[in-house]
Amino acid sequence: MESFFIFLHIGICVFLVLSVLLQVGKGSDMGAVFGGSSSTIFGTTGATTFITKVTTVLAILFVVSSVYLTVSKKQKLSVFEGVKTETTTPVVTPPAPPEEQKKN
């Protein structure tokens, strides 16, 4: 089940990158390239295109799948799993020799 979600996450990543690359830039008009003025650069934006809606949905799915995979991995694994810890023995001070006990 986990490998299915990883595969799904990778697919969402690929489609998100493609949808971002397919979008048309804001100042991509021919007149803007050669110094002419274009009313669409600073003017109001038109209706939201289909590719913008797809990009928004894919971005939301990407965030949700990232959070899900992170939470599922965090519950299964520990950061210190497989790390050998050193065992330390406590230092015990030996009792004082009998001669010093008699003097006190």
PDB file of N, CA and C in Angstrom:
ATOM      1  N   MET A   1       0.828  -1.197   0.000  1.00  0.00           N
ATOM      2  CA  MET A   1       0.000   0.000   0.000  1.00  0.00           C
ATOM      3  C   MET A   1       0.868   1.255   0.000  1.00  0.00           C
ATOM      4  N   GLU A   2       1.966   1.181   0.746  1.00  0.00           N
ATOM      5  CA  GLU A   2       2.842   2.342   0.834  1.00  0.00           C
ATOM      6  C   GLU A   2       3.517   2.616  -0.513  1.00  0.00           C
ATOM      7  N   SER A   3       3.898   1.564  -1.217  1.00  0.00           N
ATOM      8  CA  SER A   3       4.538   1.763  -2.519  1.00  0.00           C
ATOM      9  C   SER A   3       3.557   2.373  -3.527  1.00  0.00           C
ATOM     10  N   PHE A   4       2.274   2.075  -3.378  1.00  0.00           N
ATOM     11  CA  PHE A   4       1.268   2.699  -4.239  1.00  0.00           C
ATOM     12  C   PHE A   4       1.232   4.207  -4.028  1.00  0.00           C
ATOM     13  N   PHE A   5       1.283   4.649  -2.755  1.00  0.00           N
ATOM     14  CA  PHE A   5       1.242   6.092  -2.482  1.00  0.00           C
ATOM     15  C   PHE A   5       2.530   6.782  -2.933  1.00  0.00           C
ATOM     16  N   ILE A   6       3.648   6.096  -2.846  1.00  0.00           N
ATOM     17  CA  ILE A   6       4.898   6.681  -3.347  1.00  0.00           C
ATOM     18  C   ILE A   6       4.826   6.824  -4.864  1.00  0.00           C
ATOM     19  N   PHE A   7       4.316   5.801  -5.548  1.00  0.00           N
ATOM     20  CA  PHE A   7       4.143   5.869  -7.004  1.00  0.00           C
ATOM     21  C   PHE A   7       3.182   6.990  -7.381  1.00  0.00           C
ATOM     22  N   LEU A   8       2.090   7.118  -6.646  1.00  0.00           N
ATOM     23  CA  LEU A   8       1.124   8.187  -6.887  1.00  0.00           C
ATOM     24  C   LEU A   8       1.749   9.562  -6.676  1.00  0.00           C
ATOM     25  N   HIS A   9       2.553   9.692  -5.640  1.00  0.00           N
ATOM     26  CA  HIS A   9       3.223  10.958  -5.333  1.00  0.00           C
ATOM     27  C   HIS A   9       4.185  11.346  -6.460  1.00  0.00           C
ATOM     28  N   ILE A  10       4.927  10.377  -6.964  1.00  0.00           N
ATOM     29  CA  ILE A  10       5.856  10.658  -8.066  1.00  0.00           C
ATOM     30  C   ILE A  10       5.083  11.067  -9.316  1.00  0.00           C
ATOM     31  N   GLY A  11       3.959  10.405  -9.581  1.00  0.00           N
ATOM     32  CA  GLY A  11       3.128  10.789 -10.725  1.00  0.00           C
ATOM     33  C   GLY A  11       2.591  12.196 -10.597  1.00  0.00           C
ATOM     34  N   ILE A  12       2.142  12.551  -9.397  1.00  0.00           N
ATOM     35  CA  ILE A  12       1.661  13.918  -9.163  1.00  0.00           C
ATOM     36  C   ILE A  12       2.789  14.923  -9.391  1.00  0.00           C
ATOM     37  N   CYS A  13       4.000  14.592  -8.945  1.00  0.00           N
ATOM     38  CA  CYS A  13       5.142  15.491  -9.147  1.00  0.00           C
ATOM     39  C   CYS A  13       5.417  15.724 -10.626  1.00  0.00           C
ATOM     40  N   VAL A  14       5.401  14.648 -11.402  1.00  0.00           N
ATOM     41  CA  VAL A  14       5.680  14.774 -12.841  1.00  0.00           C
ATOM     42  C   VAL A  14       4.609  15.624 -13.518  1.00  0.00           C
ATOM     43  N   PHE A  15       3.337  15.352 -13.226  1.00  0.00           N
ATOM     44  CA  PHE A  15       2.264  16.122 -13.856  1.00  0.00           C
ATOM     45  C   PHE A  15       2.249  17.576 -13.381  1.00  0.00           C
ATOM     46  N   LEU A  16       2.647  17.824 -12.144  1.00  0.00           N
ATOM     47  CA  LEU A  16       2.722  19.203 -11.650  1.00  0.00           C
ATOM     48  C   LEU A  16       3.796  19.981 -12.395  1.00  0.00           C
ATOM     49  N   VAL A  17       4.948  19.374 -12.584  1.00  0.00           N
ATOM     50  CA  VAL A  17       6.023  20.043 -13.328  1.00  0.00           C
ATOM     51  C   VAL A  17       5.583  20.318 -14.769  1.00  0.00           C
ATOM     52  N   LEU A  18       4.953  19.341 -15.396  1.00  0.00           N
ATOM     53  CA  LEU A  18       4.494  19.535 -16.774  1.00  0.00           C
ATOM     54  C   LEU A  18       3.431  20.622 -16.873  1.00  0.00           C
ATOM     55  N   SER A  19       2.520  20.671 -15.917  1.00  0.00           N
ATOM     56  CA  SER A  19       1.471  21.690 -15.985  1.00  0.00           C
ATOM     57  C   SER A  19       2.033  23.090 -15.760  1.00  0.00           C
ATOM     58  N   VAL A  20       3.060  23.206 -14.931  1.00  0.00           N
ATOM     59  CA  VAL A  20       3.686  24.520 -14.737  1.00  0.00           C
ATOM     60  C   VAL A  20       4.430  24.935 -16.007  1.00  0.00           C
ATOM     61  N   LEU A  21       5.104  23.980 -16.628  1.00  0.00           N
ATOM     62  CA  LEU A  21       5.853  24.319 -17.845  1.00  0.00           C
ATOM     63  C   LEU A  21       4.948  24.625 -19.032  1.00  0.00           C
ATOM     64  N   LEU A  22       3.736  24.106 -19.033  1.00  0.00           N
ATOM     65  CA  LEU A  22       2.810  24.366 -20.147  1.00  0.00           C
ATOM     66  C   LEU A  22       2.115  25.713 -20.053  1.00  0.00           C
ATOM     67  N   GLN A  23       2.173  26.341 -18.903  1.00  0.00           N
ATOM     68  CA  GLN A  23       1.480  27.616 -18.745  1.00  0.00           C
ATOM     69  C   GLN A  23       2.184  28.707 -19.525  1.00  0.00           C
ATOM     70  N   VAL A  24       1.398  29.656 -19.977  1.00  0.00           N
ATOM     71  CA  VAL A  24       1.926  30.784 -20.723  1.00  0.00           C
ATOM     72  C   VAL A  24       2.297  31.875 -19.724  1.00  0.00           C
ATOM     73  N   GLY A  25       3.462  32.469 -19.926  1.00  0.00           N
ATOM     74  CA  GLY A  25       3.903  33.525 -19.025  1.00  0.00           C
ATOM     75  C   GLY A  25       3.053  34.769 -19.152  1.00  0.00           C
ATOM     76  N   LYS A  26       3.163  35.655 -18.156  1.00  0.00           N
ATOM     77  CA  LYS A  26       2.333  36.857 -18.152  1.00  0.00           C
ATOM     78  C   LYS A  26       2.717  37.829 -19.263  1.00  0.00           C
ATOM     79  N   GLY A  27       3.997  37.996 -19.489  1.00  0.00           N
ATOM     80  CA  GLY A  27       4.434  38.968 -20.495  1.00  0.00           C
ATOM     81  C   GLY A  27       4.904  38.300 -21.765  1.00  0.00           C
ATOM     82  N   SER A  28       4.202  37.298 -22.230  1.00  0.00           N
ATOM     83  CA  SER A  28       4.686  36.548 -23.388  1.00  0.00           C
ATOM     84  C   SER A  28       4.094  37.027 -24.706  1.00  0.00           C
ATOM     85  N   ASP A  29       3.472  38.189 -24.727  1.00  0.00           N
ATOM     86  CA  ASP A  29       2.921  38.714 -25.979  1.00  0.00           C
ATOM     87  C   ASP A  29       4.049  39.183 -26.889  1.00  0.00           C
ATOM     88  N   MET A  30       3.816  39.155 -28.169  1.00  0.00           N
ATOM     89  CA  MET A  30       4.821  39.566 -29.137  1.00  0.00           C
ATOM     90  C   MET A  30       5.175  41.039 -28.981  1.00  0.00           C
ATOM     91  N   GLY A  31       4.197  41.838 -28.648  1.00  0.00           N
ATOM     92  CA  GLY A  31       4.460  43.268 -28.495  1.00  0.00           C
ATOM     93  C   GLY A  31       5.328  43.559 -27.284  1.00  0.00           C
ATOM     94  N   ALA A  32       5.210  42.780 -26.272  1.00  0.00           N
ATOM     95  CA  ALA A  32       6.013  42.999 -25.071  1.00  0.00           C
ATOM     96  C   ALA A  32       7.463  42.611 -25.298  1.00  0.00           C
ATOM     97  N   VAL A  33       7.703  41.672 -26.212  1.00  0.00           N
ATOM     98  CA  VAL A  33       9.067  41.237 -26.476  1.00  0.00           C
ATOM     99  C   VAL A  33       9.866  42.331 -27.168  1.00  0.00           C
ATOM    100  N   PHE A  34       9.247  43.040 -28.110  1.00  0.00           N
ATOM    101  CA  PHE A  34       9.964  44.049 -28.886  1.00  0.00           C
ATOM    102  C   PHE A  34       9.754  45.467 -28.371  1.00  0.00           C
ATOM    103  N   GLY A  35       9.320  45.618 -27.158  1.00  0.00           N
ATOM    104  CA  GLY A  35       9.232  46.933 -26.559  1.00  0.00           C
ATOM    105  C   GLY A  35       7.890  47.609 -26.701  1.00  0.00           C
ATOM    106  N   GLY A  36       6.952  47.028 -27.374  1.00  0.00           N
ATOM    107  CA  GLY A  36       5.632  47.625 -27.499  1.00  0.00           C
ATOM    108  C   GLY A  36       4.843  47.453 -26.211  1.00  0.00           C
ATOM    109  N   SER A  37       3.817  48.241 -26.054  1.00  0.00           N
ATOM    110  CA  SER A  37       3.039  48.125 -24.822  1.00  0.00           C
ATOM    111  C   SER A  37       1.929  47.101 -25.025  1.00  0.00           C
ATOM    112  N   SER A  38       1.645  46.419 -24.000  1.00  0.00           N
ATOM    113  CA  SER A  38       0.574  45.430 -24.048  1.00  0.00           C
ATOM    114  C   SER A  38      -0.329  45.684 -22.850  1.00  0.00           C
ATOM    115  N   SER A  39      -1.600  45.734 -23.082  1.00  0.00           N
ATOM    116  CA  SER A  39      -2.521  46.053 -21.992  1.00  0.00           C
ATOM    117  C   SER A  39      -2.724  44.867 -21.055  1.00  0.00           C
ATOM    118  N   THR A  40      -2.323  43.684 -21.478  1.00  0.00           N
ATOM    119  CA  THR A  40      -2.558  42.524 -20.615  1.00  0.00           C
ATOM    120  C   THR A  40      -1.467  42.317 -19.580  1.00  0.00           C
ATOM    121  N   ILE A  41      -0.348  43.008 -19.730  1.00  0.00           N
ATOM    122  CA  ILE A  41       0.737  42.799 -18.766  1.00  0.00           C
ATOM    123  C   ILE A  41       0.359  43.345 -17.395  1.00  0.00           C
ATOM    124  N   PHE A  42      -0.103  44.578 -17.336  1.00  0.00           N
ATOM    125  CA  PHE A  42      -0.448  45.180 -16.052  1.00  0.00           C
ATOM    126  C   PHE A  42      -1.951  45.303 -15.848  1.00  0.00           C
ATOM    127  N   GLY A  43      -2.710  44.865 -16.841  1.00  0.00           N
ATOM    128  CA  GLY A  43      -4.160  44.990 -16.748  1.00  0.00           C
ATOM    129  C   GLY A  43      -4.761  43.841 -15.950  1.00  0.00           C
ATOM    130  N   THR A  44      -6.063  43.756 -16.010  1.00  0.00           N
ATOM    131  CA  THR A  44      -6.729  42.691 -15.277  1.00  0.00           C
ATOM    132  C   THR A  44      -6.472  41.357 -15.951  1.00  0.00           C
ATOM    133  N   THR A  45      -6.475  40.338 -15.134  1.00  0.00           N
ATOM    134  CA  THR A  45      -6.286  39.003 -15.695  1.00  0.00           C
ATOM    135  C   THR A  45      -7.628  38.490 -16.161  1.00  0.00           C
ATOM    136  N   GLY A  46      -7.604  37.695 -17.198  1.00  0.00           N
ATOM    137  CA  GLY A  46      -8.840  37.166 -17.756  1.00  0.00           C
ATOM    138  C   GLY A  46      -9.342  35.997 -16.930  1.00  0.00           C
ATOM    139  N   ALA A  47     -10.217  35.258 -17.531  1.00  0.00           N
ATOM    140  CA  ALA A  47     -10.763  34.091 -16.860  1.00  0.00           C
ATOM    141  C   ALA A  47      -9.659  33.075 -16.604  1.00  0.00           C
ATOM    142  N   THR A  48      -9.801  32.351 -15.527  1.00  0.00           N
ATOM    143  CA  THR A  48      -8.810  31.339 -15.184  1.00  0.00           C
ATOM    144  C   THR A  48      -8.860  30.232 -16.231  1.00  0.00           C
ATOM    145  N   THR A  49      -7.709  29.893 -16.748  1.00  0.00           N
ATOM    146  CA  THR A  49      -7.660  28.873 -17.783  1.00  0.00           C
ATOM    147  C   THR A  49      -7.726  27.485 -17.152  1.00  0.00           C
ATOM    148  N   PHE A  50      -7.969  26.508 -17.991  1.00  0.00           N
ATOM    149  CA  PHE A  50      -8.067  25.129 -17.527  1.00  0.00           C
ATOM    150  C   PHE A  50      -6.743  24.644 -16.938  1.00  0.00           C
ATOM    151  N   ILE A  51      -5.630  25.020 -17.565  1.00  0.00           N
ATOM    152  CA  ILE A  51      -4.326  24.547 -17.094  1.00  0.00           C
ATOM    153  C   ILE A  51      -3.987  25.150 -15.729  1.00  0.00           C
ATOM    154  N   THR A  52      -4.470  26.361 -15.451  1.00  0.00           N
ATOM    155  CA  THR A  52      -4.245  26.960 -14.132  1.00  0.00           C
ATOM    156  C   THR A  52      -5.021  26.212 -13.060  1.00  0.00           C
ATOM    157  N   LYS A  53      -6.230  25.805 -13.378  1.00  0.00           N
ATOM    158  CA  LYS A  53      -7.027  25.021 -12.425  1.00  0.00           C
ATOM    159  C   LYS A  53      -6.396  23.660 -12.175  1.00  0.00           C
ATOM    160  N   VAL A  54      -5.890  23.044 -13.245  1.00  0.00           N
ATOM    161  CA  VAL A  54      -5.218  21.745 -13.097  1.00  0.00           C
ATOM    162  C   VAL A  54      -3.976  21.887 -12.226  1.00  0.00           C
ATOM    163  N   THR A  55      -3.217  22.954 -12.422  1.00  0.00           N
ATOM    164  CA  THR A  55      -2.017  23.189 -11.626  1.00  0.00           C
ATOM    165  C   THR A  55      -2.366  23.382 -10.159  1.00  0.00           C
ATOM    166  N   THR A  56      -3.431  24.094  -9.884  1.00  0.00           N
ATOM    167  CA  THR A  56      -3.857  24.304  -8.499  1.00  0.00           C
ATOM    168  C   THR A  56      -4.251  22.992  -7.838  1.00  0.00           C
ATOM    169  N   VAL A  57      -5.010  22.175  -8.542  1.00  0.00           N
ATOM    170  CA  VAL A  57      -5.428  20.877  -7.986  1.00  0.00           C
ATOM    171  C   VAL A  57      -4.223  19.978  -7.756  1.00  0.00           C
ATOM    172  N   LEU A  58      -3.294  19.953  -8.719  1.00  0.00           N
ATOM    173  CA  LEU A  58      -2.100  19.128  -8.566  1.00  0.00           C
ATOM    174  C   LEU A  58      -1.215  19.612  -7.414  1.00  0.00           C
ATOM    175  N   ALA A  59      -1.140  20.917  -7.215  1.00  0.00           N
ATOM    176  CA  ALA A  59      -0.350  21.448  -6.095  1.00  0.00           C
ATOM    177  C   ALA A  59      -0.964  21.043  -4.763  1.00  0.00           C
ATOM    178  N   ILE A  60      -2.282  21.092  -4.666  1.00  0.00           N
ATOM    179  CA  ILE A  60      -2.952  20.671  -3.427  1.00  0.00           C
ATOM    180  C   ILE A  60      -2.742  19.181  -3.187  1.00  0.00           C
ATOM    181  N   LEU A  61      -2.878  18.371  -4.242  1.00  0.00           N
ATOM    182  CA  LEU A  61      -2.642  16.932  -4.115  1.00  0.00           C
ATOM    183  C   LEU A  61      -1.198  16.626  -3.727  1.00  0.00           C
ATOM    184  N   PHE A  62      -0.259  17.408  -4.256  1.00  0.00           N
ATOM    185  CA  PHE A  62       1.150  17.229  -3.907  1.00  0.00           C
ATOM    186  C   PHE A  62       1.389  17.482  -2.422  1.00  0.00           C
ATOM    187  N   VAL A  63       0.824  18.547  -1.900  1.00  0.00           N
ATOM    188  CA  VAL A  63       1.006  18.865  -0.478  1.00  0.00           C
ATOM    189  C   VAL A  63       0.358  17.799   0.401  1.00  0.00           C
ATOM    190  N   VAL A  64      -0.853  17.383   0.043  1.00  0.00           N
ATOM    191  CA  VAL A  64      -1.555  16.371   0.840  1.00  0.00           C
ATOM    192  C   VAL A  64      -0.789  15.044   0.823  1.00  0.00           C
ATOM    193  N   SER A  65      -0.310  14.635  -0.345  1.00  0.00           N
ATOM    194  CA  SER A  65       0.422  13.368  -0.406  1.00  0.00           C
ATOM    195  C   SER A  65       1.766  13.463   0.309  1.00  0.00           C
ATOM    196  N   SER A  66       2.404  14.621   0.280  1.00  0.00           N
ATOM    197  CA  SER A  66       3.661  14.802   1.011  1.00  0.00           C
ATOM    198  C   SER A  66       3.444  14.681   2.511  1.00  0.00           C
ATOM    199  N   VAL A  67       2.389  15.316   3.006  1.00  0.00           N
ATOM    200  CA  VAL A  67       2.091  15.243   4.443  1.00  0.00           C
ATOM    201  C   VAL A  67       1.725  13.817   4.837  1.00  0.00           C
ATOM    202  N   TYR A  68       0.924  13.141   4.007  1.00  0.00           N
ATOM    203  CA  TYR A  68       0.542  11.768   4.319  1.00  0.00           C
ATOM    204  C   TYR A  68       1.758  10.846   4.373  1.00  0.00           C
ATOM    205  N   LEU A  69       2.651  10.950   3.385  1.00  0.00           N
ATOM    206  CA  LEU A  69       3.836  10.096   3.378  1.00  0.00           C
ATOM    207  C   LEU A  69       4.763  10.402   4.554  1.00  0.00           C
ATOM    208  N   THR A  70       4.860  11.661   4.923  1.00  0.00           N
ATOM    209  CA  THR A  70       5.703  12.029   6.061  1.00  0.00           C
ATOM    210  C   THR A  70       5.146  11.468   7.356  1.00  0.00           C
ATOM    211  N   VAL A  71       3.847  11.598   7.565  1.00  0.00           N
ATOM    212  CA  VAL A  71       3.236  11.109   8.797  1.00  0.00           C
ATOM    213  C   VAL A  71       3.302   9.580   8.854  1.00  0.00           C
ATOM    214  N   SER A  72       3.072   8.908   7.737  1.00  0.00           N
ATOM    215  CA  SER A  72       3.101   7.448   7.745  1.00  0.00           C
ATOM    216  C   SER A  72       4.512   6.924   7.995  1.00  0.00           C
ATOM    217  N   LYS A  73       5.516   7.589   7.469  1.00  0.00           N
ATOM    218  CA  LYS A  73       6.897   7.177   7.718  1.00  0.00           C
ATOM    219  C   LYS A  73       7.317   7.479   9.148  1.00  0.00           C
ATOM    220  N   LYS A  74       6.852   8.587   9.686  1.00  0.00           N
ATOM    221  CA  LYS A  74       7.246   8.975  11.039  1.00  0.00           C
ATOM    222  C   LYS A  74       6.713   7.981  12.061  1.00  0.00           C
ATOM    223  N   GLN A  75       5.540   7.424  11.809  1.00  0.00           N
ATOM    224  CA  GLN A  75       4.970   6.465  12.744  1.00  0.00           C
ATOM    225  C   GLN A  75       5.700   5.126  12.684  1.00  0.00           C
ATOM    226  N   LYS A  76       6.291   4.790  11.551  1.00  0.00           N
ATOM    227  CA  LYS A  76       6.936   3.501  11.398  1.00  0.00           C
ATOM    228  C   LYS A  76       8.410   3.517  11.763  1.00  0.00           C
ATOM    229  N   LEU A  77       9.093   4.619  11.530  1.00  0.00           N
ATOM    230  CA  LEU A  77      10.533   4.663  11.704  1.00  0.00           C
ATOM    231  C   LEU A  77      10.930   5.634  12.804  1.00  0.00           C
ATOM    232  N   SER A  78      12.046   5.324  13.381  1.00  0.00           N
ATOM    233  CA  SER A  78      12.641   6.221  14.347  1.00  0.00           C
ATOM    234  C   SER A  78      13.952   6.725  13.768  1.00  0.00           C
ATOM    235  N   VAL A  79      14.356   7.885  14.171  1.00  0.00           N
ATOM    236  CA  VAL A  79      15.607   8.443  13.688  1.00  0.00           C
ATOM    237  C   VAL A  79      16.772   7.589  14.156  1.00  0.00           C
ATOM    238  N   PHE A  80      16.650   7.017  15.339  1.00  0.00           N
ATOM    239  CA  PHE A  80      17.739   6.259  15.929  1.00  0.00           C
ATOM    240  C   PHE A  80      17.624   4.764  15.683  1.00  0.00           C
ATOM    241  N   GLU A  81      16.780   4.360  14.765  1.00  0.00           N
ATOM    242  CA  GLU A  81      16.633   2.938  14.481  1.00  0.00           C
ATOM    243  C   GLU A  81      17.891   2.420  13.803  1.00  0.00           C
ATOM    244  N   GLY A  82      18.438   1.347  14.321  1.00  0.00           N
ATOM    245  CA  GLY A  82      19.630   0.752  13.747  1.00  0.00           C
ATOM    246  C   GLY A  82      20.926   1.373  14.211  1.00  0.00           C
ATOM    247  N   VAL A  83      20.873   2.393  15.032  1.00  0.00           N
ATOM    248  CA  VAL A  83      22.084   3.033  15.528  1.00  0.00           C
ATOM    249  C   VAL A  83      22.497   2.328  16.807  1.00  0.00           C
ATOM    250  N   LYS A  84      23.753   1.895  16.839  1.00  0.00           N
ATOM    251  CA  LYS A  84      24.250   1.223  18.038  1.00  0.00           C
ATOM    252  C   LYS A  84      24.622   2.270  19.071  1.00  0.00           C
ATOM    253  N   THR A  85      24.142   2.060  20.253  1.00  0.00           N
ATOM    254  CA  THR A  85      24.486   2.987  21.329  1.00  0.00           C
ATOM    255  C   THR A  85      25.582   2.365  22.181  1.00  0.00           C
ATOM    256  N   GLU A  86      26.456   3.188  22.662  1.00  0.00           N
ATOM    257  CA  GLU A  86      27.540   2.706  23.511  1.00  0.00           C
ATOM    258  C   GLU A  86      26.999   2.468  24.914  1.00  0.00           C
ATOM    259  N   THR A  87      27.373   1.347  25.455  1.00  0.00           N
ATOM    260  CA  THR A  87      26.982   1.075  26.840  1.00  0.00           C
ATOM    261  C   THR A  87      28.123   1.521  27.731  1.00  0.00           C
ATOM    262  N   THR A  88      27.811   2.333  28.661  1.00  0.00           N
ATOM    263  CA  THR A  88      28.826   2.825  29.584  1.00  0.00           C
ATOM    264  C   THR A  88      28.614   2.180  30.941  1.00  0.00           C
ATOM    265  N   THR A  89      29.690   1.851  31.547  1.00  0.00           N
ATOM    266  CA  THR A  89      29.605   1.290  32.896  1.00  0.00           C
ATOM    267  C   THR A  89      29.876   2.409  33.881  1.00  0.00           C
ATOM    268  N   PRO A  90      29.090   2.458  34.928  1.00  0.00           N
ATOM    269  CA  PRO A  90      29.313   3.533  35.896  1.00  0.00           C
ATOM    270  C   PRO A  90      30.636   3.332  36.632  1.00  0.00           C
ATOM    271  N   VAL A  91      31.282   4.453  36.905  1.00  0.00           N
ATOM    272  CA  VAL A  91      32.554   4.413  37.620  1.00  0.00           C
ATOM    273  C   VAL A  91      32.253   4.303  39.111  1.00  0.00           C
ATOM    274  N   VAL A  92      32.751   3.239  39.683  1.00  0.00           N
ATOM    275  CA  VAL A  92      32.537   3.018  41.116  1.00  0.00           C
ATOM    276  C   VAL A  92      33.849   3.295  41.831  1.00  0.00           C
ATOM    277  N   THR A  93      33.805   4.161  42.812  1.00  0.00           N
ATOM    278  CA  THR A  93      35.024   4.455  43.575  1.00  0.00           C
ATOM    279  C   THR A  93      35.201   3.368  44.626  1.00  0.00           C
ATOM    280  N   PRO A  94      36.378   2.823  44.698  1.00  0.00           N
ATOM    281  CA  PRO A  94      36.612   1.766  45.690  1.00  0.00           C
ATOM    282  C   PRO A  94      36.599   2.346  47.105  1.00  0.00           C
ATOM    283  N   PRO A  95      36.253   1.541  48.051  1.00  0.00           N
ATOM    284  CA  PRO A  95      36.264   2.049  49.429  1.00  0.00           C
ATOM    285  C   PRO A  95      37.682   2.380  49.870  1.00  0.00           C
ATOM    286  N   ALA A  96      37.771   3.235  50.833  1.00  0.00           N
ATOM    287  CA  ALA A  96      39.084   3.653  51.347  1.00  0.00           C
ATOM    288  C   ALA A  96      39.783   2.466  52.000  1.00  0.00           C
ATOM    289  N   PRO A  97      41.115   2.440  51.900  1.00  0.00           N
ATOM    290  CA  PRO A  97      41.862   1.344  52.558  1.00  0.00           C
ATOM    291  C   PRO A  97      41.646   1.372  54.067  1.00  0.00           C
ATOM    292  N   PRO A  98      41.809   0.254  54.720  1.00  0.00           N
ATOM    293  CA  PRO A  98      41.539   0.174  56.164  1.00  0.00           C
ATOM    294  C   PRO A  98      42.405   1.103  57.015  1.00  0.00           C
ATOM    295  N   GLU A  99      43.645   1.422  56.560  1.00  0.00           N
ATOM    296  CA  GLU A  99      44.502   2.299  57.380  1.00  0.00           C
ATOM    297  C   GLU A  99      43.905   3.707  57.497  1.00  0.00           C
ATOM    298  N   GLU A 100      43.363   4.214  56.400  1.00  0.00           N
ATOM    299  CA  GLU A 100      42.799   5.562  56.439  1.00  0.00           C
ATOM    300  C   GLU A 100      41.508   5.588  57.253  1.00  0.00           C
ATOM    301  N   GLN A 101      40.794   4.488  57.300  1.00  0.00           N
ATOM    302  CA  GLN A 101      39.566   4.458  58.091  1.00  0.00           C
ATOM    303  C   GLN A 101      39.890   4.526  59.590  1.00  0.00           C
ATOM    304  N   LYS A 102      41.006   3.927  60.005  1.00  0.00           N
ATOM    305  CA  LYS A 102      41.393   3.950  61.430  1.00  0.00           C
ATOM    306  C   LYS A 102      41.818   5.335  61.865  1.00  0.00           C
ATOM    307  N   LYS A 103      42.476   6.101  60.978  1.00  0.00           N
ATOM    308  CA  LYS A 103      42.970   7.433  61.332  1.00  0.00           C
ATOM    309  C   LYS A 103      41.816   8.410  61.526  1.00  0.00           C
ATOM    310  N   ASN A 104      40.771   8.263  60.814  1.00  0.00           N
ATOM    311  CA  ASN A 104      39.651   9.198  60.909  1.00  0.00           C
ATOM    312  C   ASN A 104      38.829   8.850  62.049  1.00  0.00           C
TER     313      ASN A 104
END
